[in-house]
Amino acid sequence: MAVKGRTRKYLDLNGKFSKYAEALLAKGDYVQANEKIWGATAQMIKAIAAKRGISLRAHQSIAEFVSKLDDEKPELNLVGDFASAESLHVNFYEDWLPAEIVQKRYDIVKRFIRNVQKFL
């Protein structure tokens, strides 16, 4: 699949997962929302990487790529905001975060996604 096609695929998945996350949060299903939020985040990062001709497969490669983006624009605090997405990913398995913290971290993740879209 061409870079442009992969970028579009990842952006479409980002949108799909974001919509699912919003619906799950509205229903109060925070556990499932956590994973959709993580999915939306990962797909946006993969879209940016694909635009640059880079393929990201593992969680570690996504985190390393975010660190590189952070080096390019440190004023966006991408590594710090990305930590909220990672914590929600962990919370999908652990279910230990209270609803209000899930919502606050989701707000941070939305900011993160808006900020990384600047790289597109």
N, C-alpha and C. Protein backbone atom coordinates (compact mmCIF):
# COMPACT_ATOMS: atom_id res chain seq x y z
N MET A 1 0.85 -1.18 0.00
CA MET A 1 0.00 0.00 0.00
C MET A 1 0.89 1.24 0.00
N ALA A 2 0.60 2.19 -0.84
CA ALA A 2 1.39 3.40 -0.94
C ALA A 2 1.31 4.21 0.35
N VAL A 3 2.31 5.06 0.54
CA VAL A 3 2.36 5.88 1.75
C VAL A 3 1.08 6.68 1.91
N LYS A 4 0.62 7.31 0.84
CA LYS A 4 -0.59 8.12 0.91
C LYS A 4 -1.79 7.28 1.34
N GLY A 5 -1.88 6.06 0.80
CA GLY A 5 -2.98 5.17 1.17
C GLY A 5 -2.90 4.72 2.61
N ARG A 6 -1.69 4.45 3.09
CA ARG A 6 -1.54 4.04 4.49
C ARG A 6 -1.87 5.19 5.42
N THR A 7 -1.45 6.39 5.05
CA THR A 7 -1.76 7.56 5.87
C THR A 7 -3.27 7.72 5.98
N ARG A 8 -3.97 7.62 4.88
CA ARG A 8 -5.44 7.76 4.87
C ARG A 8 -6.08 6.67 5.71
N LYS A 9 -5.58 5.43 5.58
CA LYS A 9 -6.13 4.31 6.37
C LYS A 9 -6.02 4.60 7.86
N TYR A 10 -4.85 5.06 8.31
CA TYR A 10 -4.64 5.33 9.72
C TYR A 10 -5.50 6.52 10.19
N LEU A 11 -5.65 7.53 9.35
CA LEU A 11 -6.50 8.66 9.72
C LEU A 11 -7.96 8.24 9.84
N ASP A 12 -8.39 7.37 8.94
CA ASP A 12 -9.77 6.86 9.01
C ASP A 12 -9.98 6.06 10.30
N LEU A 13 -9.00 5.24 10.65
CA LEU A 13 -9.10 4.46 11.90
C LEU A 13 -9.09 5.37 13.12
N ASN A 14 -8.28 6.42 13.07
CA ASN A 14 -8.28 7.39 14.16
C ASN A 14 -9.68 7.97 14.36
N GLY A 15 -10.31 8.36 13.28
CA GLY A 15 -11.66 8.92 13.38
C GLY A 15 -12.67 7.92 13.91
N LYS A 16 -12.57 6.69 13.43
CA LYS A 16 -13.48 5.63 13.86
C LYS A 16 -13.32 5.36 15.36
N PHE A 17 -12.08 5.20 15.82
CA PHE A 17 -11.84 4.92 17.23
C PHE A 17 -12.23 6.11 18.11
N SER A 18 -12.03 7.32 17.62
CA SER A 18 -12.41 8.52 18.38
C SER A 18 -13.92 8.55 18.59
N LYS A 19 -14.68 8.24 17.55
CA LYS A 19 -16.14 8.22 17.66
C LYS A 19 -16.59 7.14 18.65
N TYR A 20 -15.98 5.97 18.56
CA TYR A 20 -16.31 4.89 19.50
C TYR A 20 -16.01 5.33 20.93
N ALA A 21 -14.86 5.97 21.13
CA ALA A 21 -14.46 6.41 22.47
C ALA A 21 -15.49 7.38 23.03
N GLU A 22 -15.91 8.33 22.23
CA GLU A 22 -16.91 9.33 22.68
C GLU A 22 -18.20 8.63 23.09
N ALA A 23 -18.65 7.69 22.27
CA ALA A 23 -19.90 6.97 22.57
C ALA A 23 -19.77 6.15 23.84
N LEU A 24 -18.64 5.48 24.01
CA LEU A 24 -18.42 4.67 25.21
C LEU A 24 -18.32 5.52 26.46
N LEU A 25 -17.68 6.67 26.36
CA LEU A 25 -17.60 7.58 27.51
C LEU A 25 -18.99 8.07 27.88
N ALA A 26 -19.78 8.39 26.87
CA ALA A 26 -21.15 8.88 27.13
C ALA A 26 -21.99 7.82 27.84
N LYS A 27 -21.73 6.54 27.55
CA LYS A 27 -22.45 5.44 28.19
C LYS A 27 -21.88 5.09 29.55
N GLY A 28 -20.71 5.64 29.87
CA GLY A 28 -20.07 5.32 31.13
C GLY A 28 -19.24 4.04 31.09
N ASP A 29 -18.95 3.55 29.88
CA ASP A 29 -18.13 2.34 29.73
C ASP A 29 -16.67 2.77 29.58
N TYR A 30 -16.07 3.14 30.71
CA TYR A 30 -14.73 3.70 30.70
C TYR A 30 -13.66 2.69 30.32
N VAL A 31 -13.85 1.45 30.70
CA VAL A 31 -12.85 0.43 30.38
C VAL A 31 -12.69 0.29 28.87
N GLN A 32 -13.79 0.13 28.16
CA GLN A 32 -13.71 0.00 26.70
C GLN A 32 -13.28 1.32 26.05
N ALA A 33 -13.72 2.43 26.61
CA ALA A 33 -13.32 3.74 26.06
C ALA A 33 -11.81 3.92 26.12
N ASN A 34 -11.20 3.41 27.20
CA ASN A 34 -9.74 3.51 27.33
C ASN A 34 -9.02 2.96 26.11
N GLU A 35 -9.43 1.81 25.68
CA GLU A 35 -8.73 1.17 24.56
C GLU A 35 -9.00 1.87 23.25
N LYS A 36 -10.19 2.40 23.07
CA LYS A 36 -10.49 3.16 21.85
C LYS A 36 -9.70 4.46 21.82
N ILE A 37 -9.53 5.08 22.98
CA ILE A 37 -8.72 6.30 23.05
C ILE A 37 -7.28 5.98 22.68
N TRP A 38 -6.78 4.88 23.23
CA TRP A 38 -5.42 4.46 22.87
C TRP A 38 -5.34 4.16 21.37
N GLY A 39 -6.32 3.46 20.84
CA GLY A 39 -6.32 3.14 19.42
C GLY A 39 -6.31 4.38 18.56
N ALA A 40 -7.12 5.38 18.91
CA ALA A 40 -7.15 6.63 18.15
C ALA A 40 -5.78 7.31 18.18
N THR A 41 -5.16 7.28 19.34
CA THR A 41 -3.84 7.89 19.49
C THR A 41 -2.81 7.17 18.62
N ALA A 42 -2.76 5.86 18.74
CA ALA A 42 -1.78 5.07 17.98
C ALA A 42 -1.98 5.25 16.48
N GLN A 43 -3.21 5.29 16.03
CA GLN A 43 -3.47 5.42 14.60
C GLN A 43 -3.03 6.80 14.08
N MET A 44 -3.20 7.83 14.88
CA MET A 44 -2.75 9.16 14.45
C MET A 44 -1.23 9.19 14.33
N ILE A 45 -0.54 8.59 15.29
CA ILE A 45 0.93 8.54 15.22
C ILE A 45 1.37 7.73 14.01
N LYS A 46 0.71 6.62 13.75
CA LYS A 46 1.04 5.80 12.58
C LYS A 46 0.79 6.57 11.29
N ALA A 47 -0.23 7.42 11.26
CA ALA A 47 -0.51 8.22 10.06
C ALA A 47 0.64 9.18 9.78
N ILE A 48 1.13 9.83 10.82
CA ILE A 48 2.24 10.78 10.65
C ILE A 48 3.49 10.04 10.20
N ALA A 49 3.74 8.90 10.81
CA ALA A 49 4.90 8.10 10.41
C ALA A 49 4.76 7.64 8.97
N ALA A 50 3.58 7.17 8.59
CA ALA A 50 3.37 6.70 7.22
C ALA A 50 3.60 7.82 6.23
N LYS A 51 3.18 9.03 6.57
CA LYS A 51 3.40 10.17 5.67
C LYS A 51 4.89 10.39 5.44
N ARG A 52 5.69 10.03 6.43
CA ARG A 52 7.14 10.16 6.31
C ARG A 52 7.80 8.89 5.76
N GLY A 53 6.98 7.92 5.38
CA GLY A 53 7.51 6.68 4.83
C GLY A 53 8.00 5.70 5.88
N ILE A 54 7.55 5.86 7.10
CA ILE A 54 7.98 5.01 8.21
C ILE A 54 6.82 4.13 8.63
N SER A 55 7.11 2.86 8.89
CA SER A 55 6.09 1.92 9.35
C SER A 55 6.33 1.62 10.82
N LEU A 56 5.30 1.84 11.63
CA LEU A 56 5.39 1.56 13.07
C LEU A 56 4.52 0.35 13.38
N ARG A 57 5.06 -0.61 14.07
CA ARG A 57 4.31 -1.82 14.38
C ARG A 57 4.13 -2.06 15.88
N ALA A 58 5.16 -1.85 16.64
CA ALA A 58 5.12 -2.18 18.07
C ALA A 58 4.89 -0.94 18.91
N HIS A 59 4.40 -1.16 20.10
CA HIS A 59 4.16 -0.07 21.05
C HIS A 59 5.44 0.74 21.25
N GLN A 60 6.55 0.07 21.38
CA GLN A 60 7.82 0.76 21.59
C GLN A 60 8.14 1.68 20.43
N SER A 61 7.90 1.23 19.20
CA SER A 61 8.22 2.07 18.05
C SER A 61 7.32 3.31 18.00
N ILE A 62 6.09 3.18 18.46
CA ILE A 62 5.18 4.33 18.52
C ILE A 62 5.71 5.34 19.53
N ALA A 63 6.09 4.87 20.72
CA ALA A 63 6.62 5.75 21.75
C ALA A 63 7.90 6.44 21.30
N GLU A 64 8.78 5.70 20.64
CA GLU A 64 10.03 6.28 20.15
C GLU A 64 9.76 7.35 19.09
N PHE A 65 8.77 7.11 18.24
CA PHE A 65 8.43 8.08 17.21
C PHE A 65 7.85 9.35 17.85
N VAL A 66 7.03 9.20 18.87
CA VAL A 66 6.49 10.36 19.59
C VAL A 66 7.65 11.17 20.18
N SER A 67 8.65 10.49 20.70
CA SER A 67 9.81 11.17 21.26
C SER A 67 10.53 11.99 20.18
N LYS A 68 10.63 11.44 18.98
CA LYS A 68 11.27 12.18 17.87
C LYS A 68 10.44 13.41 17.50
N LEU A 69 9.12 13.25 17.46
CA LEU A 69 8.26 14.40 17.17
C LEU A 69 8.41 15.46 18.26
N ASP A 70 8.52 15.00 19.51
CA ASP A 70 8.71 15.92 20.63
C ASP A 70 10.02 16.69 20.49
N ASP A 71 11.06 16.02 19.99
CA ASP A 71 12.34 16.70 19.76
C ASP A 71 12.18 17.79 18.70
N GLU A 72 11.32 17.56 17.72
CA GLU A 72 11.10 18.54 16.65
C GLU A 72 10.31 19.75 17.15
N LYS A 73 9.38 19.52 18.05
CA LYS A 73 8.53 20.60 18.57
C LYS A 73 8.33 20.43 20.08
N PRO A 74 9.39 20.66 20.86
CA PRO A 74 9.30 20.43 22.30
C PRO A 74 8.25 21.30 23.00
N GLU A 75 7.90 22.41 22.41
CA GLU A 75 6.90 23.29 23.03
C GLU A 75 5.51 22.65 23.09
N LEU A 76 5.28 21.58 22.34
CA LEU A 76 3.98 20.91 22.34
C LEU A 76 3.82 19.90 23.48
N ASN A 77 4.91 19.57 24.19
CA ASN A 77 4.87 18.61 25.31
C ASN A 77 4.27 17.27 24.89
N LEU A 78 4.67 16.77 23.74
CA LEU A 78 4.08 15.55 23.20
C LEU A 78 4.36 14.33 24.07
N VAL A 79 5.57 14.19 24.57
CA VAL A 79 5.90 13.03 25.40
C VAL A 79 5.05 13.03 26.67
N GLY A 80 4.91 14.19 27.28
CA GLY A 80 4.11 14.28 28.49
C GLY A 80 2.64 13.95 28.24
N ASP A 81 2.09 14.50 27.16
CA ASP A 81 0.68 14.23 26.85
C ASP A 81 0.46 12.79 26.40
N PHE A 82 1.44 12.23 25.70
CA PHE A 82 1.35 10.84 25.25
C PHE A 82 1.25 9.89 26.43
N ALA A 83 1.85 10.27 27.55
CA ALA A 83 1.79 9.43 28.75
C ALA A 83 0.35 9.22 29.21
N SER A 84 -0.52 10.19 28.98
CA SER A 84 -1.94 10.01 29.34
C SER A 84 -2.58 8.93 28.48
N ALA A 85 -2.25 8.90 27.20
CA ALA A 85 -2.79 7.85 26.33
C ALA A 85 -2.28 6.48 26.78
N GLU A 86 -1.01 6.41 27.10
CA GLU A 86 -0.45 5.13 27.57
C GLU A 86 -1.11 4.68 28.87
N SER A 87 -1.38 5.62 29.77
CA SER A 87 -2.00 5.24 31.03
C SER A 87 -3.42 4.72 30.81
N LEU A 88 -4.12 5.28 29.83
CA LEU A 88 -5.47 4.78 29.53
C LEU A 88 -5.40 3.39 28.89
N HIS A 89 -4.37 3.16 28.11
CA HIS A 89 -4.16 1.82 27.52
C HIS A 89 -3.96 0.79 28.64
N VAL A 90 -3.15 1.13 29.62
CA VAL A 90 -2.93 0.25 30.77
C VAL A 90 -4.24 0.07 31.54
N ASN A 91 -5.00 1.14 31.67
CA ASN A 91 -6.23 1.08 32.44
C ASN A 91 -7.27 0.17 31.79
N PHE A 92 -7.17 -0.04 30.50
CA PHE A 92 -8.06 -1.00 29.84
C PHE A 92 -7.91 -2.38 30.49
N TYR A 93 -6.69 -2.73 30.86
CA TYR A 93 -6.42 -4.04 31.45
C TYR A 93 -6.61 -4.05 32.97
N GLU A 94 -6.38 -2.91 33.60
CA GLU A 94 -6.37 -2.86 35.06
C GLU A 94 -7.66 -2.28 35.66
N ASP A 95 -8.29 -1.36 34.98
CA ASP A 95 -9.53 -0.72 35.43
C ASP A 95 -9.41 -0.16 36.85
N TRP A 96 -8.39 0.64 37.08
CA TRP A 96 -8.18 1.20 38.40
C TRP A 96 -8.39 2.71 38.46
N LEU A 97 -8.50 3.38 37.28
CA LEU A 97 -8.67 4.83 37.29
C LEU A 97 -10.12 5.23 37.50
N PRO A 98 -10.38 6.20 38.35
CA PRO A 98 -11.75 6.71 38.50
C PRO A 98 -12.20 7.42 37.22
N ALA A 99 -13.51 7.45 37.00
CA ALA A 99 -14.08 8.02 35.78
C ALA A 99 -13.59 9.44 35.52
N GLU A 100 -13.51 10.25 36.56
CA GLU A 100 -13.12 11.65 36.34
C GLU A 100 -11.68 11.77 35.85
N ILE A 101 -10.83 10.86 36.27
CA ILE A 101 -9.44 10.88 35.78
C ILE A 101 -9.39 10.39 34.34
N VAL A 102 -10.17 9.38 34.02
CA VAL A 102 -10.24 8.93 32.62
C VAL A 102 -10.65 10.11 31.74
N GLN A 103 -11.65 10.84 32.14
CA GLN A 103 -12.12 11.98 31.34
C GLN A 103 -11.05 13.06 31.22
N LYS A 104 -10.38 13.37 32.32
CA LYS A 104 -9.32 14.39 32.28
C LYS A 104 -8.17 13.96 31.38
N ARG A 105 -7.82 12.69 31.46
CA ARG A 105 -6.73 12.21 30.60
C ARG A 105 -7.16 12.16 29.14
N TYR A 106 -8.42 11.87 28.91
CA TYR A 106 -8.94 11.90 27.54
C TYR A 106 -8.85 13.32 26.99
N ASP A 107 -9.15 14.32 27.81
CA ASP A 107 -9.01 15.71 27.36
C ASP A 107 -7.57 16.02 26.97
N ILE A 108 -6.62 15.49 27.73
CA ILE A 108 -5.19 15.66 27.40
C ILE A 108 -4.88 14.95 26.09
N VAL A 109 -5.42 13.76 25.91
CA VAL A 109 -5.17 13.01 24.68
C VAL A 109 -5.76 13.74 23.47
N LYS A 110 -6.92 14.34 23.62
CA LYS A 110 -7.50 15.11 22.52
C LYS A 110 -6.57 16.27 22.14
N ARG A 111 -5.99 16.93 23.15
CA ARG A 111 -5.01 17.99 22.87
C ARG A 111 -3.80 17.42 22.15
N PHE A 112 -3.33 16.26 22.62
CA PHE A 112 -2.19 15.60 21.99
C PHE A 112 -2.49 15.35 20.51
N ILE A 113 -3.66 14.80 20.22
CA ILE A 113 -4.01 14.47 18.83
C ILE A 113 -4.08 15.76 17.99
N ARG A 114 -4.69 16.80 18.53
CA ARG A 114 -4.73 18.09 17.80
C ARG A 114 -3.31 18.59 17.52
N ASN A 115 -2.43 18.46 18.51
CA ASN A 115 -1.06 18.93 18.33
C ASN A 115 -0.29 18.11 17.31
N VAL A 116 -0.42 16.81 17.36
CA VAL A 116 0.36 16.01 16.40
C VAL A 116 -0.18 16.13 14.98
N GLN A 117 -1.44 16.53 14.83
CA GLN A 117 -1.98 16.74 13.49
C GLN A 117 -1.21 17.83 12.76
N LYS A 118 -0.53 18.68 13.49
CA LYS A 118 0.29 19.73 12.88
C LYS A 118 1.42 19.15 12.04
N PHE A 119 1.77 17.89 12.30
CA PHE A 119 2.84 17.24 11.55
C PHE A 119 2.36 16.68 10.22
N LEU A 120 1.06 16.66 10.02
CA LEU A 120 0.50 16.16 8.77
C LEU A 120 0.59 17.26 7.73
